[in-house]
Amino acid sequence: MLKLKTKWFDKWSKKNFITDEKLLDTIKNISNNLGVVNLGSSLYKVRTQKIGKGKSSSFRTFVVYREADIAIFIYGFSKNEKDNLDKDELIYFKSLAKEYLTMDSRNYQKLMELGKIIGIKEGL
């Protein structure tokens, strides 16, 4: 399975001290349907825990996901900053999800070379 994050999400997650290990846990939660909302178009809203906190004081992360194939973290925010995506944001992120899912491995490799997406490190 390909596990990625956008450049924007990488910067945001570092600022909020969200480790790749936490992102891998979030992917497991999607796979097990724990704390997940399917927004359609393979876009999922998932709770990602803050360090040392429970899910009630967590982040909302948005992931393009296809079972056993790909997970791309594209957006996130703290629950105390914002309640949810607005209508235009939801339309945009669903469109982005469709675009990511039509790409082949060469496109992902090119985006990685350009620094637009970053691989999530496992086993650190």
N, C-alpha and C. Protein backbone atom coordinates (compact mmCIF):
# COMPACT_ATOMS: atom_id res chain seq x y z
N MET A 1 0.84 -1.19 0.00
CA MET A 1 0.00 0.00 0.00
C MET A 1 0.88 1.24 0.00
N LEU A 2 0.53 2.19 -0.84
CA LEU A 2 1.24 3.46 -0.94
C LEU A 2 0.68 4.41 0.12
N LYS A 3 1.56 4.97 0.97
CA LYS A 3 1.15 5.85 2.07
C LYS A 3 1.88 7.18 1.90
N LEU A 4 1.09 8.24 1.63
CA LEU A 4 1.66 9.53 1.26
C LEU A 4 0.98 10.67 2.01
N LYS A 5 1.61 11.84 1.94
CA LYS A 5 1.02 13.07 2.44
C LYS A 5 1.44 14.19 1.50
N THR A 6 0.55 15.17 1.35
CA THR A 6 0.88 16.30 0.50
C THR A 6 1.92 17.17 1.21
N LYS A 7 2.56 18.03 0.44
CA LYS A 7 3.55 18.95 1.00
C LYS A 7 2.89 19.82 2.07
N TRP A 8 1.69 20.35 1.76
CA TRP A 8 0.98 21.17 2.73
C TRP A 8 0.72 20.39 4.01
N PHE A 9 0.22 19.15 3.86
CA PHE A 9 -0.11 18.34 5.03
C PHE A 9 1.15 18.04 5.83
N ASP A 10 2.26 17.78 5.17
CA ASP A 10 3.52 17.50 5.86
C ASP A 10 3.92 18.68 6.75
N LYS A 11 3.85 19.89 6.21
CA LYS A 11 4.19 21.08 7.00
C LYS A 11 3.23 21.25 8.17
N TRP A 12 1.94 21.09 7.91
CA TRP A 12 0.94 21.22 8.95
C TRP A 12 1.13 20.17 10.04
N SER A 13 1.40 18.93 9.65
CA SER A 13 1.55 17.86 10.65
C SER A 13 2.80 18.08 11.50
N LYS A 14 3.88 18.56 10.91
CA LYS A 14 5.09 18.85 11.70
C LYS A 14 4.81 19.97 12.70
N LYS A 15 4.13 21.01 12.26
CA LYS A 15 3.78 22.13 13.13
C LYS A 15 2.94 21.66 14.32
N ASN A 16 2.11 20.66 14.10
CA ASN A 16 1.21 20.14 15.14
C ASN A 16 1.73 18.87 15.80
N PHE A 17 2.99 18.54 15.54
CA PHE A 17 3.65 17.39 16.16
C PHE A 17 2.93 16.07 15.91
N ILE A 18 2.42 15.91 14.71
CA ILE A 18 1.79 14.65 14.31
C ILE A 18 2.85 13.82 13.59
N THR A 19 3.21 12.73 14.19
CA THR A 19 4.27 11.88 13.65
C THR A 19 3.75 10.95 12.56
N ASP A 20 4.67 10.42 11.76
CA ASP A 20 4.29 9.42 10.77
C ASP A 20 3.67 8.20 11.46
N GLU A 21 4.14 7.88 12.65
CA GLU A 21 3.56 6.76 13.40
C GLU A 21 2.07 7.00 13.67
N LYS A 22 1.71 8.24 14.05
CA LYS A 22 0.29 8.58 14.27
C LYS A 22 -0.50 8.49 12.97
N LEU A 23 0.13 8.88 11.86
CA LEU A 23 -0.55 8.79 10.56
C LEU A 23 -0.79 7.33 10.18
N LEU A 24 0.18 6.47 10.47
CA LEU A 24 0.00 5.04 10.20
C LEU A 24 -1.13 4.47 11.05
N ASP A 25 -1.23 4.93 12.31
CA ASP A 25 -2.36 4.51 13.17
C ASP A 25 -3.68 4.97 12.57
N THR A 26 -3.68 6.18 12.01
CA THR A 26 -4.89 6.72 11.39
C THR A 26 -5.31 5.87 10.19
N ILE A 27 -4.33 5.44 9.39
CA ILE A 27 -4.63 4.57 8.25
C ILE A 27 -5.25 3.25 8.74
N LYS A 28 -4.72 2.70 9.83
CA LYS A 28 -5.31 1.48 10.40
C LYS A 28 -6.75 1.73 10.83
N ASN A 29 -7.00 2.91 11.40
CA ASN A 29 -8.37 3.24 11.82
C ASN A 29 -9.32 3.30 10.63
N ILE A 30 -8.84 3.83 9.51
CA ILE A 30 -9.68 3.86 8.31
C ILE A 30 -10.00 2.43 7.88
N SER A 31 -8.97 1.61 7.83
CA SER A 31 -9.13 0.22 7.41
C SER A 31 -10.12 -0.53 8.32
N ASN A 32 -10.11 -0.19 9.62
CA ASN A 32 -10.98 -0.85 10.59
C ASN A 32 -12.27 -0.08 10.84
N ASN A 33 -12.47 1.03 10.09
CA ASN A 33 -13.67 1.86 10.20
C ASN A 33 -13.89 2.40 11.62
N LEU A 34 -12.81 2.89 12.25
CA LEU A 34 -12.87 3.44 13.60
C LEU A 34 -12.72 4.96 13.54
N GLY A 35 -13.74 5.69 13.97
CA GLY A 35 -13.69 7.14 13.98
C GLY A 35 -13.58 7.74 12.59
N VAL A 36 -14.25 7.10 11.63
CA VAL A 36 -14.12 7.47 10.22
C VAL A 36 -15.47 7.88 9.65
N VAL A 37 -15.43 8.92 8.80
CA VAL A 37 -16.63 9.31 8.05
C VAL A 37 -16.26 9.26 6.58
N ASN A 38 -16.99 8.46 5.82
CA ASN A 38 -16.78 8.38 4.37
C ASN A 38 -17.55 9.54 3.75
N LEU A 39 -16.80 10.48 3.14
CA LEU A 39 -17.41 11.66 2.53
C LEU A 39 -17.76 11.46 1.06
N GLY A 40 -17.48 10.26 0.54
CA GLY A 40 -17.70 9.97 -0.87
C GLY A 40 -16.47 10.26 -1.69
N SER A 41 -16.42 9.72 -2.89
CA SER A 41 -15.29 9.91 -3.82
C SER A 41 -13.96 9.48 -3.22
N SER A 42 -13.99 8.46 -2.35
CA SER A 42 -12.79 7.93 -1.68
C SER A 42 -12.11 8.96 -0.78
N LEU A 43 -12.88 9.93 -0.28
CA LEU A 43 -12.38 10.92 0.67
C LEU A 43 -12.96 10.59 2.04
N TYR A 44 -12.06 10.52 3.03
CA TYR A 44 -12.46 10.15 4.39
C TYR A 44 -12.04 11.22 5.37
N LYS A 45 -12.91 11.47 6.35
CA LYS A 45 -12.58 12.34 7.47
C LYS A 45 -12.30 11.40 8.64
N VAL A 46 -11.13 11.59 9.26
CA VAL A 46 -10.69 10.67 10.30
C VAL A 46 -10.12 11.47 11.47
N ARG A 47 -10.39 11.01 12.66
CA ARG A 47 -9.76 11.60 13.84
C ARG A 47 -8.33 11.10 13.95
N THR A 48 -7.43 12.03 14.20
CA THR A 48 -6.03 11.70 14.45
C THR A 48 -5.68 12.28 15.82
N GLN A 49 -5.23 11.44 16.71
CA GLN A 49 -4.98 11.86 18.09
C GLN A 49 -3.80 12.82 18.21
N LYS A 50 -3.95 13.76 19.15
CA LYS A 50 -2.83 14.61 19.55
C LYS A 50 -1.95 13.79 20.50
N ILE A 51 -0.69 14.13 20.56
CA ILE A 51 0.22 13.42 21.45
C ILE A 51 -0.25 13.58 22.89
N GLY A 52 -0.40 12.45 23.58
CA GLY A 52 -0.80 12.46 24.98
C GLY A 52 -2.25 12.80 25.24
N LYS A 53 -3.06 12.86 24.22
CA LYS A 53 -4.48 13.21 24.38
C LYS A 53 -5.35 12.12 23.76
N GLY A 54 -6.61 12.12 24.13
CA GLY A 54 -7.55 11.17 23.55
C GLY A 54 -8.13 11.71 22.26
N LYS A 55 -9.01 10.93 21.66
CA LYS A 55 -9.61 11.34 20.39
C LYS A 55 -10.56 12.52 20.54
N SER A 56 -11.06 12.75 21.75
CA SER A 56 -11.99 13.87 21.92
C SER A 56 -11.30 15.22 21.71
N SER A 57 -10.00 15.28 21.96
CA SER A 57 -9.26 16.52 21.68
C SER A 57 -8.26 16.24 20.56
N SER A 58 -8.81 15.84 19.43
CA SER A 58 -7.96 15.38 18.34
C SER A 58 -8.04 16.32 17.15
N PHE A 59 -7.32 15.94 16.11
CA PHE A 59 -7.36 16.65 14.84
C PHE A 59 -8.33 15.93 13.91
N ARG A 60 -8.87 16.68 12.99
CA ARG A 60 -9.64 16.07 11.89
C ARG A 60 -8.70 16.05 10.69
N THR A 61 -8.48 14.88 10.16
CA THR A 61 -7.63 14.76 8.98
C THR A 61 -8.46 14.21 7.83
N PHE A 62 -8.09 14.63 6.63
CA PHE A 62 -8.82 14.23 5.43
C PHE A 62 -7.87 13.43 4.55
N VAL A 63 -8.31 12.23 4.20
CA VAL A 63 -7.45 11.26 3.54
C VAL A 63 -8.14 10.71 2.30
N VAL A 64 -7.39 10.70 1.20
CA VAL A 64 -7.82 9.99 0.00
C VAL A 64 -7.41 8.54 0.25
N TYR A 65 -8.37 7.63 0.19
CA TYR A 65 -8.07 6.25 0.60
C TYR A 65 -8.77 5.24 -0.31
N ARG A 66 -8.01 4.24 -0.71
CA ARG A 66 -8.57 3.08 -1.41
C ARG A 66 -7.95 1.86 -0.75
N GLU A 67 -8.79 1.00 -0.21
CA GLU A 67 -8.37 -0.18 0.56
C GLU A 67 -7.24 -0.95 -0.11
N ALA A 68 -6.19 -1.21 0.66
CA ALA A 68 -5.03 -2.02 0.25
C ALA A 68 -4.29 -1.44 -0.96
N ASP A 69 -4.54 -0.17 -1.29
CA ASP A 69 -3.93 0.44 -2.46
C ASP A 69 -3.19 1.72 -2.11
N ILE A 70 -3.92 2.72 -1.58
CA ILE A 70 -3.31 4.03 -1.37
C ILE A 70 -4.00 4.80 -0.26
N ALA A 71 -3.21 5.60 0.45
CA ALA A 71 -3.72 6.56 1.43
C ALA A 71 -2.89 7.82 1.26
N ILE A 72 -3.56 8.95 1.03
CA ILE A 72 -2.88 10.23 0.88
C ILE A 72 -3.54 11.24 1.82
N PHE A 73 -2.79 11.71 2.81
CA PHE A 73 -3.27 12.74 3.72
C PHE A 73 -3.19 14.08 2.99
N ILE A 74 -4.34 14.77 2.91
CA ILE A 74 -4.36 16.01 2.12
C ILE A 74 -4.69 17.26 2.93
N TYR A 75 -5.37 17.11 4.07
CA TYR A 75 -5.77 18.30 4.81
C TYR A 75 -6.05 17.93 6.25
N GLY A 76 -5.93 18.91 7.13
CA GLY A 76 -6.24 18.68 8.53
C GLY A 76 -6.44 19.98 9.28
N PHE A 77 -7.12 19.87 10.43
CA PHE A 77 -7.28 21.01 11.32
C PHE A 77 -7.65 20.49 12.69
N SER A 78 -7.41 21.34 13.69
CA SER A 78 -7.77 21.00 15.05
C SER A 78 -9.27 21.21 15.22
N LYS A 79 -9.89 20.34 16.00
CA LYS A 79 -11.33 20.44 16.20
C LYS A 79 -11.74 21.75 16.88
N ASN A 80 -10.81 22.37 17.64
CA ASN A 80 -11.18 23.63 18.30
C ASN A 80 -11.01 24.83 17.36
N GLU A 81 -10.42 24.63 16.18
CA GLU A 81 -10.25 25.70 15.19
C GLU A 81 -11.46 25.83 14.27
N LYS A 82 -12.06 24.69 13.96
CA LYS A 82 -13.07 24.64 12.90
C LYS A 82 -13.94 23.42 13.13
N ASP A 83 -15.22 23.53 12.81
CA ASP A 83 -16.12 22.39 12.98
C ASP A 83 -16.00 21.38 11.84
N ASN A 84 -15.99 21.89 10.62
CA ASN A 84 -16.00 20.99 9.47
C ASN A 84 -15.59 21.75 8.21
N LEU A 85 -15.49 21.03 7.12
CA LEU A 85 -15.24 21.67 5.82
C LEU A 85 -16.48 22.42 5.37
N ASP A 86 -16.29 23.53 4.67
CA ASP A 86 -17.45 24.16 4.07
C ASP A 86 -17.75 23.48 2.73
N LYS A 87 -18.85 23.84 2.11
CA LYS A 87 -19.31 23.17 0.89
C LYS A 87 -18.27 23.23 -0.23
N ASP A 88 -17.66 24.41 -0.44
CA ASP A 88 -16.67 24.57 -1.51
C ASP A 88 -15.41 23.74 -1.24
N GLU A 89 -14.99 23.69 0.02
CA GLU A 89 -13.82 22.87 0.37
C GLU A 89 -14.11 21.40 0.10
N LEU A 90 -15.29 20.94 0.48
CA LEU A 90 -15.65 19.55 0.26
C LEU A 90 -15.64 19.21 -1.23
N ILE A 91 -16.20 20.08 -2.05
CA ILE A 91 -16.20 19.86 -3.50
C ILE A 91 -14.76 19.79 -4.03
N TYR A 92 -13.93 20.72 -3.58
CA TYR A 92 -12.53 20.76 -4.02
C TYR A 92 -11.80 19.47 -3.62
N PHE A 93 -11.92 19.06 -2.37
CA PHE A 93 -11.18 17.88 -1.90
C PHE A 93 -11.69 16.59 -2.55
N LYS A 94 -12.98 16.50 -2.85
CA LYS A 94 -13.50 15.33 -3.58
C LYS A 94 -12.93 15.29 -4.99
N SER A 95 -12.83 16.45 -5.62
CA SER A 95 -12.24 16.54 -6.96
C SER A 95 -10.76 16.14 -6.92
N LEU A 96 -10.05 16.61 -5.90
CA LEU A 96 -8.65 16.26 -5.73
C LEU A 96 -8.49 14.75 -5.51
N ALA A 97 -9.39 14.17 -4.73
CA ALA A 97 -9.35 12.72 -4.49
C ALA A 97 -9.49 11.95 -5.80
N LYS A 98 -10.43 12.35 -6.61
CA LYS A 98 -10.62 11.68 -7.91
C LYS A 98 -9.37 11.79 -8.76
N GLU A 99 -8.76 12.98 -8.75
CA GLU A 99 -7.54 13.20 -9.53
C GLU A 99 -6.41 12.29 -9.05
N TYR A 100 -6.21 12.23 -7.74
CA TYR A 100 -5.15 11.37 -7.20
C TYR A 100 -5.38 9.90 -7.54
N LEU A 101 -6.63 9.47 -7.50
CA LEU A 101 -6.92 8.05 -7.73
C LEU A 101 -6.84 7.63 -9.19
N THR A 102 -6.79 8.58 -10.11
CA THR A 102 -6.64 8.23 -11.52
C THR A 102 -5.17 8.17 -11.94
N MET A 103 -4.28 8.57 -11.04
CA MET A 103 -2.85 8.57 -11.37
C MET A 103 -2.27 7.15 -11.30
N ASP A 104 -1.18 6.96 -12.05
CA ASP A 104 -0.45 5.70 -11.94
C ASP A 104 0.83 5.94 -11.14
N SER A 105 1.59 4.89 -10.91
CA SER A 105 2.78 4.96 -10.07
C SER A 105 3.81 5.95 -10.59
N ARG A 106 3.90 6.13 -11.91
CA ARG A 106 4.86 7.10 -12.46
C ARG A 106 4.49 8.52 -12.06
N ASN A 107 3.19 8.82 -12.05
CA ASN A 107 2.74 10.16 -11.64
C ASN A 107 3.09 10.42 -10.17
N TYR A 108 2.85 9.42 -9.32
CA TYR A 108 3.19 9.59 -7.90
C TYR A 108 4.69 9.78 -7.73
N GLN A 109 5.48 9.02 -8.48
CA GLN A 109 6.94 9.15 -8.40
C GLN A 109 7.37 10.55 -8.82
N LYS A 110 6.77 11.07 -9.87
CA LYS A 110 7.10 12.41 -10.36
C LYS A 110 6.74 13.46 -9.30
N LEU A 111 5.56 13.33 -8.68
CA LEU A 111 5.16 14.27 -7.64
C LEU A 111 6.10 14.20 -6.43
N MET A 112 6.58 12.99 -6.13
CA MET A 112 7.54 12.84 -5.03
C MET A 112 8.87 13.52 -5.39
N GLU A 113 9.33 13.34 -6.61
CA GLU A 113 10.57 13.98 -7.05
C GLU A 113 10.46 15.50 -7.00
N LEU A 114 9.29 16.02 -7.30
CA LEU A 114 9.06 17.47 -7.26
C LEU A 114 8.80 17.99 -5.84
N GLY A 115 8.66 17.08 -4.88
CA GLY A 115 8.41 17.48 -3.49
C GLY A 115 6.97 17.86 -3.20
N LYS A 116 6.06 17.52 -4.11
CA LYS A 116 4.64 17.85 -3.92
C LYS A 116 3.93 16.87 -2.99
N ILE A 117 4.41 15.62 -2.98
CA ILE A 117 3.93 14.62 -2.03
C ILE A 117 5.14 13.94 -1.40
N ILE A 118 4.94 13.43 -0.19
CA ILE A 118 6.03 12.84 0.60
C ILE A 118 5.56 11.48 1.10
N GLY A 119 6.46 10.52 1.07
CA GLY A 119 6.14 9.21 1.61
C GLY A 119 6.10 9.22 3.13
N ILE A 120 5.20 8.43 3.68
CA ILE A 120 5.11 8.28 5.13
C ILE A 120 6.06 7.16 5.52
N LYS A 121 6.92 7.47 6.47
CA LYS A 121 7.96 6.51 6.89
C LYS A 121 7.39 5.51 7.87
N GLU A 122 7.70 4.25 7.62
CA GLU A 122 7.23 3.17 8.50
C GLU A 122 8.40 2.61 9.29
N GLY A 123 8.08 2.10 10.48
CA GLY A 123 9.09 1.37 11.27
C GLY A 123 10.17 2.23 11.85
N LEU A 124 9.88 3.47 12.23
CA LEU A 124 10.88 4.32 12.84
C LEU A 124 11.01 4.07 14.31
